[in-house]
N, C-alpha and C. Protein backbone atom coordinates (compact mmCIF):
# COMPACT_ATOMS: atom_id res chain seq x y z
N MET A 1 44.97 -42.10 -28.50
CA MET A 1 45.45 -42.40 -29.81
C MET A 1 44.30 -42.24 -30.77
N LYS A 2 43.18 -42.89 -30.43
CA LYS A 2 42.02 -42.97 -31.36
C LYS A 2 41.42 -41.58 -31.42
N SER A 3 41.43 -40.88 -30.45
CA SER A 3 40.82 -39.51 -30.47
C SER A 3 41.75 -38.58 -31.30
N ALA A 4 43.05 -38.73 -31.17
CA ALA A 4 43.95 -37.85 -31.92
C ALA A 4 43.87 -38.29 -33.40
N SER A 5 43.69 -39.45 -33.68
CA SER A 5 43.41 -39.92 -35.08
C SER A 5 42.17 -39.35 -35.58
N ASP A 6 41.11 -39.53 -34.92
CA ASP A 6 39.76 -39.02 -35.32
C ASP A 6 39.81 -37.47 -35.62
N LEU A 7 40.59 -36.78 -34.74
CA LEU A 7 40.70 -35.31 -34.94
C LEU A 7 41.79 -34.99 -35.91
N ALA A 8 42.44 -35.89 -36.59
CA ALA A 8 43.49 -35.70 -37.62
C ALA A 8 44.73 -34.82 -37.04
N ILE A 9 44.97 -35.04 -35.70
CA ILE A 9 46.12 -34.45 -35.11
C ILE A 9 47.43 -35.28 -35.48
N PRO A 10 48.34 -34.59 -36.01
CA PRO A 10 49.65 -35.32 -36.45
C PRO A 10 50.27 -35.75 -35.04
N LEU A 11 50.74 -37.02 -35.01
CA LEU A 11 51.25 -37.65 -33.80
C LEU A 11 52.06 -38.82 -34.02
N VAL A 12 53.14 -39.00 -33.24
CA VAL A 12 53.84 -40.25 -33.33
C VAL A 12 53.79 -40.79 -31.86
N ALA A 13 53.53 -41.97 -31.67
CA ALA A 13 53.39 -42.59 -30.37
C ALA A 13 53.70 -44.10 -30.45
N ILE A 14 54.05 -44.72 -29.25
CA ILE A 14 54.17 -46.20 -29.11
C ILE A 14 52.92 -46.62 -28.22
N GLY A 15 52.26 -47.57 -28.61
CA GLY A 15 51.22 -47.99 -27.70
C GLY A 15 50.88 -49.47 -28.01
N LEU A 16 49.96 -50.00 -27.23
CA LEU A 16 49.59 -51.39 -27.33
C LEU A 16 48.41 -51.43 -28.26
N PHE A 17 48.40 -52.41 -29.11
CA PHE A 17 47.43 -52.62 -30.17
C PHE A 17 46.55 -53.79 -29.76
N TYR A 18 45.28 -53.55 -29.67
CA TYR A 18 44.24 -54.57 -29.48
C TYR A 18 43.39 -54.71 -30.69
N ALA A 19 43.58 -55.83 -31.42
CA ALA A 19 42.76 -56.04 -32.67
C ALA A 19 41.30 -55.93 -32.56
N GLN A 20 40.81 -56.24 -31.41
CA GLN A 20 39.32 -56.16 -31.11
C GLN A 20 39.14 -55.34 -29.86
N GLY A 21 39.89 -54.18 -29.72
CA GLY A 21 39.84 -53.44 -28.58
C GLY A 21 38.71 -52.53 -28.47
N TYR A 22 37.95 -52.22 -29.49
CA TYR A 22 36.82 -51.39 -29.50
C TYR A 22 35.49 -52.17 -29.63
N PHE A 23 34.57 -51.68 -28.81
CA PHE A 23 33.24 -52.42 -28.86
C PHE A 23 32.18 -51.32 -28.46
N ARG A 24 31.06 -51.73 -28.85
CA ARG A 24 29.66 -50.99 -28.27
C ARG A 24 29.26 -51.72 -27.07
N GLN A 25 28.89 -50.97 -26.11
CA GLN A 25 28.24 -51.55 -25.05
C GLN A 25 26.94 -51.05 -24.65
N ARG A 26 26.16 -51.85 -24.01
CA ARG A 26 24.83 -51.53 -23.56
C ARG A 26 24.48 -52.34 -22.33
N LEU A 27 23.49 -51.96 -21.68
CA LEU A 27 22.98 -52.64 -20.50
C LEU A 27 21.70 -53.43 -20.86
N ASP A 28 21.68 -54.72 -20.46
CA ASP A 28 20.44 -55.47 -20.67
C ASP A 28 19.39 -55.09 -19.74
N ASP A 29 18.30 -55.76 -19.87
CA ASP A 29 17.09 -55.38 -18.92
C ASP A 29 17.44 -55.78 -17.42
N LYS A 30 18.41 -56.58 -17.14
CA LYS A 30 18.84 -56.82 -15.79
C LYS A 30 19.98 -55.92 -15.28
N GLY A 31 20.52 -55.09 -16.12
CA GLY A 31 21.53 -54.20 -15.82
C GLY A 31 22.96 -54.69 -16.03
N TRP A 32 23.04 -55.78 -16.74
CA TRP A 32 24.39 -56.43 -17.07
C TRP A 32 24.90 -55.68 -18.30
N GLN A 33 26.21 -55.59 -18.37
CA GLN A 33 26.75 -54.91 -19.52
C GLN A 33 26.91 -55.97 -20.63
N CYS A 34 26.53 -55.64 -21.84
CA CYS A 34 26.64 -56.48 -23.05
C CYS A 34 27.50 -55.77 -24.09
N GLU A 35 28.52 -56.56 -24.54
CA GLU A 35 29.49 -55.89 -25.60
C GLU A 35 29.21 -56.52 -27.00
N GLU A 36 29.40 -55.65 -27.93
CA GLU A 36 29.32 -56.07 -29.31
C GLU A 36 30.63 -55.46 -29.94
N TYR A 37 31.43 -56.44 -30.27
CA TYR A 37 32.84 -56.12 -30.78
C TYR A 37 32.72 -55.77 -32.28
N LEU A 38 33.46 -54.73 -32.65
CA LEU A 38 33.31 -54.17 -33.93
C LEU A 38 34.40 -54.83 -34.86
N GLN A 39 34.08 -55.09 -36.05
CA GLN A 39 35.02 -55.64 -37.03
C GLN A 39 36.00 -54.47 -37.37
N THR A 40 37.27 -54.75 -37.27
CA THR A 40 38.40 -53.64 -37.46
C THR A 40 39.12 -54.14 -38.81
N ASP A 41 39.20 -53.29 -39.80
CA ASP A 41 40.03 -53.52 -40.87
C ASP A 41 41.46 -52.89 -40.57
N VAL A 42 42.27 -53.72 -40.12
CA VAL A 42 43.59 -53.33 -39.56
C VAL A 42 44.38 -52.51 -40.71
N SER A 43 44.18 -52.89 -41.95
CA SER A 43 44.90 -52.19 -43.09
C SER A 43 44.42 -50.81 -43.27
N ALA A 44 43.22 -50.46 -42.75
CA ALA A 44 42.75 -49.08 -42.99
C ALA A 44 43.03 -48.20 -41.71
N LEU A 45 43.69 -48.76 -40.71
CA LEU A 45 43.95 -47.98 -39.59
C LEU A 45 45.22 -47.04 -39.77
N PRO A 46 45.29 -45.82 -39.22
CA PRO A 46 46.36 -44.92 -39.51
C PRO A 46 47.56 -45.25 -38.55
N MET A 47 48.19 -46.43 -38.78
CA MET A 47 49.23 -46.91 -37.95
C MET A 47 50.17 -47.80 -38.89
N GLU A 48 51.39 -47.98 -38.45
CA GLU A 48 52.20 -48.85 -39.08
C GLU A 48 53.27 -49.43 -38.06
N PRO A 49 53.73 -50.63 -38.40
CA PRO A 49 54.50 -51.32 -37.39
C PRO A 49 55.90 -50.65 -37.39
N ALA A 50 56.59 -50.78 -36.19
CA ALA A 50 57.95 -50.31 -36.04
C ALA A 50 58.89 -51.33 -36.71
N ILE A 51 59.64 -50.84 -37.74
CA ILE A 51 60.59 -51.62 -38.40
C ILE A 51 62.12 -51.30 -38.13
N GLY A 52 62.89 -52.15 -37.68
CA GLY A 52 64.31 -51.84 -37.41
C GLY A 52 65.13 -51.52 -38.65
N LYS A 53 66.43 -51.09 -38.41
CA LYS A 53 67.20 -50.59 -39.62
C LYS A 53 67.53 -51.68 -40.57
N HIS A 54 67.39 -53.05 -40.16
CA HIS A 54 67.67 -54.10 -41.00
C HIS A 54 66.34 -54.69 -41.59
N GLY A 55 65.22 -54.08 -41.43
CA GLY A 55 63.96 -54.60 -41.91
C GLY A 55 63.23 -55.47 -40.97
N GLU A 56 63.81 -55.78 -39.79
CA GLU A 56 63.12 -56.64 -38.85
C GLU A 56 62.07 -55.88 -38.00
N PRO A 57 60.90 -56.56 -37.55
CA PRO A 57 60.03 -55.86 -36.66
C PRO A 57 60.63 -55.59 -35.37
N VAL A 58 60.34 -54.47 -34.89
CA VAL A 58 60.81 -54.05 -33.53
C VAL A 58 59.80 -54.66 -32.47
N THR A 59 60.39 -55.38 -31.49
CA THR A 59 59.55 -55.85 -30.47
C THR A 59 60.12 -55.39 -29.08
N ILE A 60 59.14 -55.34 -28.13
CA ILE A 60 59.51 -54.86 -26.85
C ILE A 60 58.81 -55.83 -25.81
N GLN A 61 59.65 -56.27 -24.86
CA GLN A 61 59.06 -57.18 -23.81
C GLN A 61 58.93 -56.42 -22.52
N ILE A 62 57.78 -56.47 -21.99
CA ILE A 62 57.37 -55.73 -20.71
C ILE A 62 56.98 -56.84 -19.67
N ASP A 63 57.76 -56.96 -18.66
CA ASP A 63 57.23 -57.90 -17.53
C ASP A 63 56.22 -57.13 -16.64
N THR A 64 55.09 -57.79 -16.59
CA THR A 64 53.89 -57.28 -15.91
C THR A 64 53.83 -57.74 -14.46
N ARG A 65 54.43 -58.97 -14.23
CA ARG A 65 54.36 -59.55 -12.87
C ARG A 65 55.66 -60.09 -12.49
N ARG A 66 56.01 -59.91 -11.28
CA ARG A 66 57.31 -60.37 -10.83
C ARG A 66 57.04 -61.79 -10.20
N GLN A 67 57.81 -62.71 -10.66
CA GLN A 67 57.72 -64.18 -10.11
C GLN A 67 58.09 -64.13 -8.64
N LEU A 68 57.24 -64.61 -7.87
CA LEU A 68 57.55 -64.80 -6.43
C LEU A 68 58.46 -65.98 -6.12
N ASP A 69 59.30 -65.85 -5.28
CA ASP A 69 60.27 -66.96 -5.02
C ASP A 69 59.41 -68.04 -4.23
N SER A 70 59.31 -69.19 -4.72
CA SER A 70 58.56 -70.26 -4.01
C SER A 70 59.32 -70.99 -2.96
N GLY A 71 60.53 -70.64 -2.69
CA GLY A 71 61.37 -71.26 -1.66
C GLY A 71 61.39 -70.54 -0.41
């Protein structure tokens, strides 16, 4: 999505939004990854929330784990 946006490709999609999803990374002198999170102005991003026909936000629940039966 970010690449399509950067290239100005017209696109409609549904995705996950991570407010601090982008970061710069580097390796320190011991080889460990160090992250520097970038400040994101959400209002400047080329996206908009999904709004239902009655003006309510559209939400979707996705179960990512199945509860194991403890019995």
